[in-house]
PDB file of all heavy atoms in Angstrom:
ATOM      1  N   ALA A   1      12.381 -56.696 137.789  1.00  0.00           N
ATOM      2  CA  ALA A   1      12.947 -57.204 139.038  1.00  0.00           C
ATOM      3  C   ALA A   1      14.276 -56.521 139.350  1.00  0.00           C
ATOM      4  O   ALA A   1      14.576 -56.199 140.511  1.00  0.00           O
ATOM      5  CB  ALA A   1      13.139 -58.717 138.938  1.00  0.00           C
ATOM      6  N   HIS A   2      15.059 -56.273 138.331  1.00  0.00           N
ATOM      7  CA  HIS A   2      16.357 -55.637 138.518  1.00  0.00           C
ATOM      8  C   HIS A   2      16.204 -54.169 138.911  1.00  0.00           C
ATOM      9  O   HIS A   2      16.828 -53.697 139.863  1.00  0.00           O
ATOM     10  CB  HIS A   2      17.179 -55.758 137.231  1.00  0.00           C
ATOM     11  CG  HIS A   2      18.519 -55.098 137.308  1.00  0.00           C
ATOM     12  ND1 HIS A   2      18.726 -53.784 136.889  1.00  0.00           N
ATOM     13  CD2 HIS A   2      19.716 -55.529 137.767  1.00  0.00           C
ATOM     14  CE1 HIS A   2      19.983 -53.465 137.076  1.00  0.00           C
ATOM     15  NE2 HIS A   2      20.615 -54.499 137.605  1.00  0.00           N
ATOM     16  N   ASP A   3      15.346 -53.443 138.177  1.00  0.00           N
ATOM     17  CA  ASP A   3      15.241 -51.996 138.399  1.00  0.00           C
ATOM     18  C   ASP A   3      14.438 -51.651 139.644  1.00  0.00           C
ATOM     19  O   ASP A   3      14.820 -50.746 140.400  1.00  0.00           O
ATOM     20  CB  ASP A   3      14.603 -51.331 137.171  1.00  0.00           C
ATOM     21  CG  ASP A   3      15.467 -51.468 135.927  1.00  0.00           C
ATOM     22  OD1 ASP A   3      16.650 -51.826 136.074  1.00  0.00           O
ATOM     23  OD2 ASP A   3      14.958 -51.239 134.811  1.00  0.00           O
ATOM     24  N   ARG A   4      13.336 -52.353 139.865  1.00  0.00           N
ATOM     25  CA  ARG A   4      12.418 -51.955 140.930  1.00  0.00           C
ATOM     26  C   ARG A   4      12.690 -52.668 142.256  1.00  0.00           C
ATOM     27  O   ARG A   4      12.276 -52.173 143.308  1.00  0.00           O
ATOM     28  CB  ARG A   4      10.978 -52.221 140.501  1.00  0.00           C
ATOM     29  CG  ARG A   4      10.581 -51.437 139.258  1.00  0.00           C
ATOM     30  CD  ARG A   4       9.151 -51.713 138.879  1.00  0.00           C
ATOM     31  NE  ARG A   4       8.753 -50.989 137.662  1.00  0.00           N
ATOM     32  CZ  ARG A   4       7.544 -51.078 137.099  1.00  0.00           C
ATOM     33  NH1 ARG A   4       6.617 -51.848 137.648  1.00  0.00           N
ATOM     34  NH2 ARG A   4       7.279 -50.414 135.997  1.00  0.00           N
ATOM     35  N   LEU A   5      13.337 -53.814 142.205  1.00  0.00           N
ATOM     36  CA  LEU A   5      13.578 -54.569 143.436  1.00  0.00           C
ATOM     37  C   LEU A   5      15.053 -54.549 143.812  1.00  0.00           C
ATOM     38  O   LEU A   5      15.432 -54.015 144.858  1.00  0.00           O
ATOM     39  CB  LEU A   5      13.094 -56.011 143.275  1.00  0.00           C
ATOM     40  CG  LEU A   5      13.293 -56.928 144.491  1.00  0.00           C
ATOM     41  CD1 LEU A   5      12.504 -56.403 145.682  1.00  0.00           C
ATOM     42  CD2 LEU A   5      12.875 -58.359 144.156  1.00  0.00           C
ATOM     43  N   LEU A   6      15.898 -55.112 142.947  1.00  0.00           N
ATOM     44  CA  LEU A   6      17.306 -55.250 143.298  1.00  0.00           C
ATOM     45  C   LEU A   6      17.999 -53.897 143.428  1.00  0.00           C
ATOM     46  O   LEU A   6      18.582 -53.577 144.466  1.00  0.00           O
ATOM     47  CB  LEU A   6      18.001 -56.116 142.243  1.00  0.00           C
ATOM     48  CG  LEU A   6      19.471 -56.402 142.493  1.00  0.00           C
ATOM     49  CD1 LEU A   6      19.643 -57.194 143.789  1.00  0.00           C
ATOM     50  CD2 LEU A   6      20.068 -57.186 141.325  1.00  0.00           C
ATOM     51  N   ARG A   7      17.931 -53.072 142.386  1.00  0.00           N
ATOM     52  CA  ARG A   7      18.647 -51.804 142.411  1.00  0.00           C
ATOM     53  C   ARG A   7      18.064 -50.851 143.443  1.00  0.00           C
ATOM     54  O   ARG A   7      18.787 -50.167 144.176  1.00  0.00           O
ATOM     55  CB  ARG A   7      18.608 -51.172 141.015  1.00  0.00           C
ATOM     56  CG  ARG A   7      19.522 -49.967 140.865  1.00  0.00           C
ATOM     57  CD  ARG A   7      19.762 -49.667 139.401  1.00  0.00           C
ATOM     58  NE  ARG A   7      18.523 -49.374 138.699  1.00  0.00           N
ATOM     59  CZ  ARG A   7      18.435 -49.268 137.368  1.00  0.00           C
ATOM     60  NH1 ARG A   7      19.526 -49.437 136.623  1.00  0.00           N
ATOM     61  NH2 ARG A   7      17.296 -49.000 136.783  1.00  0.00           N
ATOM     62  N   THR A   8      16.717 -50.831 143.545  1.00  0.00           N
ATOM     63  CA  THR A   8      16.075 -49.956 144.528  1.00  0.00           C
ATOM     64  C   THR A   8      16.404 -50.381 145.950  1.00  0.00           C
ATOM     65  O   THR A   8      16.704 -49.545 146.814  1.00  0.00           O
ATOM     66  CB  THR A   8      14.551 -49.966 144.321  1.00  0.00           C
ATOM     67  OG1 THR A   8      14.263 -49.557 142.984  1.00  0.00           O
ATOM     68  CG2 THR A   8      13.866 -49.032 145.293  1.00  0.00           C
ATOM     69  N   GLY A   9      16.355 -51.694 146.209  1.00  0.00           N
ATOM     70  CA  GLY A   9      16.653 -52.178 147.546  1.00  0.00           C
ATOM     71  C   GLY A   9      18.079 -51.896 147.962  1.00  0.00           C
ATOM     72  O   GLY A   9      18.350 -51.509 149.109  1.00  0.00           O
ATOM     73  N   MET A  10      19.033 -52.081 147.046  1.00  0.00           N
ATOM     74  CA  MET A  10      20.431 -51.800 147.372  1.00  0.00           C
ATOM     75  C   MET A  10      20.643 -50.315 147.660  1.00  0.00           C
ATOM     76  O   MET A  10      21.425 -49.951 148.535  1.00  0.00           O
ATOM     77  CB  MET A  10      21.329 -52.244 146.213  1.00  0.00           C
ATOM     78  CG  MET A  10      21.326 -53.751 145.964  1.00  0.00           C
ATOM     79  SD  MET A  10      21.879 -54.717 147.384  1.00  0.00           S
ATOM     80  CE  MET A  10      23.598 -54.250 147.423  1.00  0.00           C
ATOM     81  N   ALA A  11      19.913 -49.454 146.908  1.00  0.00           N
ATOM     82  CA  ALA A  11      20.026 -48.016 147.158  1.00  0.00           C
ATOM     83  C   ALA A  11      19.492 -47.653 148.540  1.00  0.00           C
ATOM     84  O   ALA A  11      20.059 -46.812 149.255  1.00  0.00           O
ATOM     85  CB  ALA A  11      19.270 -47.249 146.074  1.00  0.00           C
ATOM     86  N   GLN A  12      18.399 -48.319 148.943  1.00  0.00           N
ATOM     87  CA  GLN A  12      17.830 -48.033 150.258  1.00  0.00           C
ATOM     88  C   GLN A  12      18.746 -48.513 151.384  1.00  0.00           C
ATOM     89  O   GLN A  12      18.844 -47.880 152.440  1.00  0.00           O
ATOM     90  CB  GLN A  12      16.456 -48.693 150.365  1.00  0.00           C
ATOM     91  CG  GLN A  12      15.412 -48.029 149.467  1.00  0.00           C
ATOM     92  CD  GLN A  12      14.139 -48.852 149.352  1.00  0.00           C
ATOM     93  OE1 GLN A  12      14.117 -50.024 149.703  1.00  0.00           O
ATOM     94  NE2 GLN A  12      13.076 -48.232 148.855  1.00  0.00           N
ATOM     95  N   LEU A  13      19.437 -49.618 151.164  1.00  0.00           N
ATOM     96  CA  LEU A  13      20.376 -50.096 152.177  1.00  0.00           C
ATOM     97  C   LEU A  13      21.583 -49.176 152.318  1.00  0.00           C
ATOM     98  O   LEU A  13      22.121 -48.999 153.421  1.00  0.00           O
ATOM     99  CB  LEU A  13      20.850 -51.512 151.801  1.00  0.00           C
ATOM    100  CG  LEU A  13      19.865 -52.656 152.039  1.00  0.00           C
ATOM    101  CD1 LEU A  13      20.413 -53.945 151.459  1.00  0.00           C
ATOM    102  CD2 LEU A  13      19.568 -52.827 153.520  1.00  0.00           C
ATOM    103  N   ALA A  14      21.996 -48.591 151.186  1.00  0.00           N
ATOM    104  CA  ALA A  14      23.198 -47.758 151.200  1.00  0.00           C
ATOM    105  C   ALA A  14      22.901 -46.282 151.459  1.00  0.00           C
ATOM    106  O   ALA A  14      23.824 -45.487 151.636  1.00  0.00           O
ATOM    107  CB  ALA A  14      23.931 -47.889 149.862  1.00  0.00           C
ATOM    108  N   GLY A  15      21.616 -45.895 151.487  1.00  0.00           N
ATOM    109  CA  GLY A  15      21.254 -44.495 151.628  1.00  0.00           C
ATOM    110  C   GLY A  15      21.524 -43.949 153.022  1.00  0.00           C
ATOM    111  O   GLY A  15      21.559 -44.695 154.012  1.00  0.00           O
ATOM    112  N   PRO A  16      21.671 -42.634 153.133  1.00  0.00           N
ATOM    113  CA  PRO A  16      21.937 -42.015 154.450  1.00  0.00           C
ATOM    114  C   PRO A  16      20.698 -41.966 155.336  1.00  0.00           C
ATOM    115  O   PRO A  16      20.808 -41.888 156.557  1.00  0.00           O
ATOM    116  CB  PRO A  16      22.419 -40.615 154.071  1.00  0.00           C
ATOM    117  CG  PRO A  16      21.768 -40.331 152.742  1.00  0.00           C
ATOM    118  CD  PRO A  16      21.696 -41.641 152.029  1.00  0.00           C
ATOM    119  N   GLU A  17      19.506 -41.967 154.723  1.00  0.00           N
ATOM    120  CA  GLU A  17      18.269 -41.877 155.499  1.00  0.00           C
ATOM    121  C   GLU A  17      17.900 -43.240 156.080  1.00  0.00           C
ATOM    122  O   GLU A  17      18.079 -44.273 155.427  1.00  0.00           O
ATOM    123  CB  GLU A  17      17.124 -41.364 154.618  1.00  0.00           C
ATOM    124  CG  GLU A  17      17.337 -39.956 154.089  1.00  0.00           C
ATOM    125  CD  GLU A  17      17.387 -38.941 155.216  1.00  0.00           C
ATOM    126  OE1 GLU A  17      16.700 -39.162 156.240  1.00  0.00           O
ATOM    127  OE2 GLU A  17      18.120 -37.943 155.088  1.00  0.00           O
ATOM    128  N   PRO A  18      17.367 -43.285 157.300  1.00  0.00           N
ATOM    129  CA  PRO A  18      16.938 -44.564 157.890  1.00  0.00           C
ATOM    130  C   PRO A  18      15.869 -45.227 157.037  1.00  0.00           C
ATOM    131  O   PRO A  18      14.982 -44.557 156.489  1.00  0.00           O
ATOM    132  CB  PRO A  18      16.374 -44.151 159.261  1.00  0.00           C
ATOM    133  CG  PRO A  18      16.991 -42.815 159.541  1.00  0.00           C
ATOM    134  CD  PRO A  18      17.160 -42.144 158.216  1.00  0.00           C
ATOM    135  N   HIS A  19      15.940 -46.528 156.911  1.00  0.00           N
ATOM    136  CA  HIS A  19      14.979 -47.269 156.100  1.00  0.00           C
ATOM    137  C   HIS A  19      14.707 -48.621 156.774  1.00  0.00           C
ATOM    138  O   HIS A  19      15.596 -49.198 157.420  1.00  0.00           O
ATOM    139  CB  HIS A  19      15.528 -47.478 154.687  1.00  0.00           C
ATOM    140  CG  HIS A  19      14.488 -47.975 153.719  1.00  0.00           C
ATOM    141  ND1 HIS A  19      14.204 -49.309 153.573  1.00  0.00           N
ATOM    142  CD2 HIS A  19      13.661 -47.299 152.866  1.00  0.00           C
ATOM    143  CE1 HIS A  19      13.251 -49.449 152.662  1.00  0.00           C
ATOM    144  NE2 HIS A  19      12.909 -48.252 152.213  1.00  0.00           N
ATOM    145  N   PRO A  20      13.467 -49.151 156.656  1.00  0.00           N
ATOM    146  CA  PRO A  20      13.162 -50.454 157.275  1.00  0.00           C
ATOM    147  C   PRO A  20      14.108 -51.568 156.853  1.00  0.00           C
ATOM    148  O   PRO A  20      14.381 -52.492 157.637  1.00  0.00           O
ATOM    149  CB  PRO A  20      11.726 -50.731 156.800  1.00  0.00           C
ATOM    150  CG  PRO A  20      11.136 -49.378 156.571  1.00  0.00           C
ATOM    151  CD  PRO A  20      12.256 -48.522 156.076  1.00  0.00           C
ATOM    152  N   LEU A  21      14.616 -51.521 155.630  1.00  0.00           N
ATOM    153  CA  LEU A  21      15.547 -52.555 155.197  1.00  0.00           C
ATOM    154  C   LEU A  21      16.828 -52.534 156.025  1.00  0.00           C
ATOM    155  O   LEU A  21      17.401 -53.577 156.341  1.00  0.00           O
ATOM    156  CB  LEU A  21      15.888 -52.368 153.717  1.00  0.00           C
ATOM    157  CG  LEU A  21      14.905 -52.960 152.693  1.00  0.00           C
ATOM    158  CD1 LEU A  21      15.365 -52.636 151.282  1.00  0.00           C
ATOM    159  CD2 LEU A  21      14.771 -54.464 152.880  1.00  0.00           C
ATOM    160  N   GLN A  22      17.278 -51.337 156.370  1.00  0.00           N
ATOM    161  CA  GLN A  22      18.478 -51.226 157.188  1.00  0.00           C
ATOM    162  C   GLN A  22      18.247 -51.809 158.581  1.00  0.00           C
ATOM    163  O   GLN A  22      19.105 -52.512 159.134  1.00  0.00           O
ATOM    164  CB  GLN A  22      18.906 -49.757 157.284  1.00  0.00           C
ATOM    165  CG  GLN A  22      19.345 -49.144 155.960  1.00  0.00           C
ATOM    166  CD  GLN A  22      19.634 -47.657 156.088  1.00  0.00           C
ATOM    167  OE1 GLN A  22      19.081 -46.989 156.958  1.00  0.00           O
ATOM    168  NE2 GLN A  22      20.492 -47.148 155.220  1.00  0.00           N
ATOM    169  N   ALA A  23      17.069 -51.497 159.151  1.00  0.00           N
ATOM    170  CA  ALA A  23      16.739 -52.038 160.477  1.00  0.00           C
ATOM    171  C   ALA A  23      16.657 -53.564 160.449  1.00  0.00           C
ATOM    172  O   ALA A  23      17.141 -54.250 161.352  1.00  0.00           O
ATOM    173  CB  ALA A  23      15.417 -51.438 160.966  1.00  0.00           C
ATOM    174  N   ALA A  24      16.051 -54.106 159.376  1.00  0.00           N
ATOM    175  CA  ALA A  24      15.942 -55.559 159.249  1.00  0.00           C
ATOM    176  C   ALA A  24      17.323 -56.194 159.116  1.00  0.00           C
ATOM    177  O   ALA A  24      17.593 -57.257 159.679  1.00  0.00           O
ATOM    178  CB  ALA A  24      15.076 -55.908 158.043  1.00  0.00           C
ATOM    179  N   SER A  25      18.205 -55.531 158.367  1.00  0.00           N
ATOM    180  CA  SER A  25      19.563 -56.053 158.200  1.00  0.00           C
ATOM    181  C   SER A  25      20.306 -56.073 159.529  1.00  0.00           C
ATOM    182  O   SER A  25      21.006 -57.040 159.847  1.00  0.00           O
ATOM    183  CB  SER A  25      20.319 -55.201 157.172  1.00  0.00           C
ATOM    184  OG  SER A  25      21.636 -55.658 157.026  1.00  0.00           O
TER     185      SER A  25
END
C-alpha cells in the first residue's frame, strides 16, 4: 500500500507531466 499506492500517487501529483490525479485534485 505504501509503495504502490501512497508513494506512487504522491509522485504522480508532484510530477511535471499531466496526470488524472492532478485533474481530479
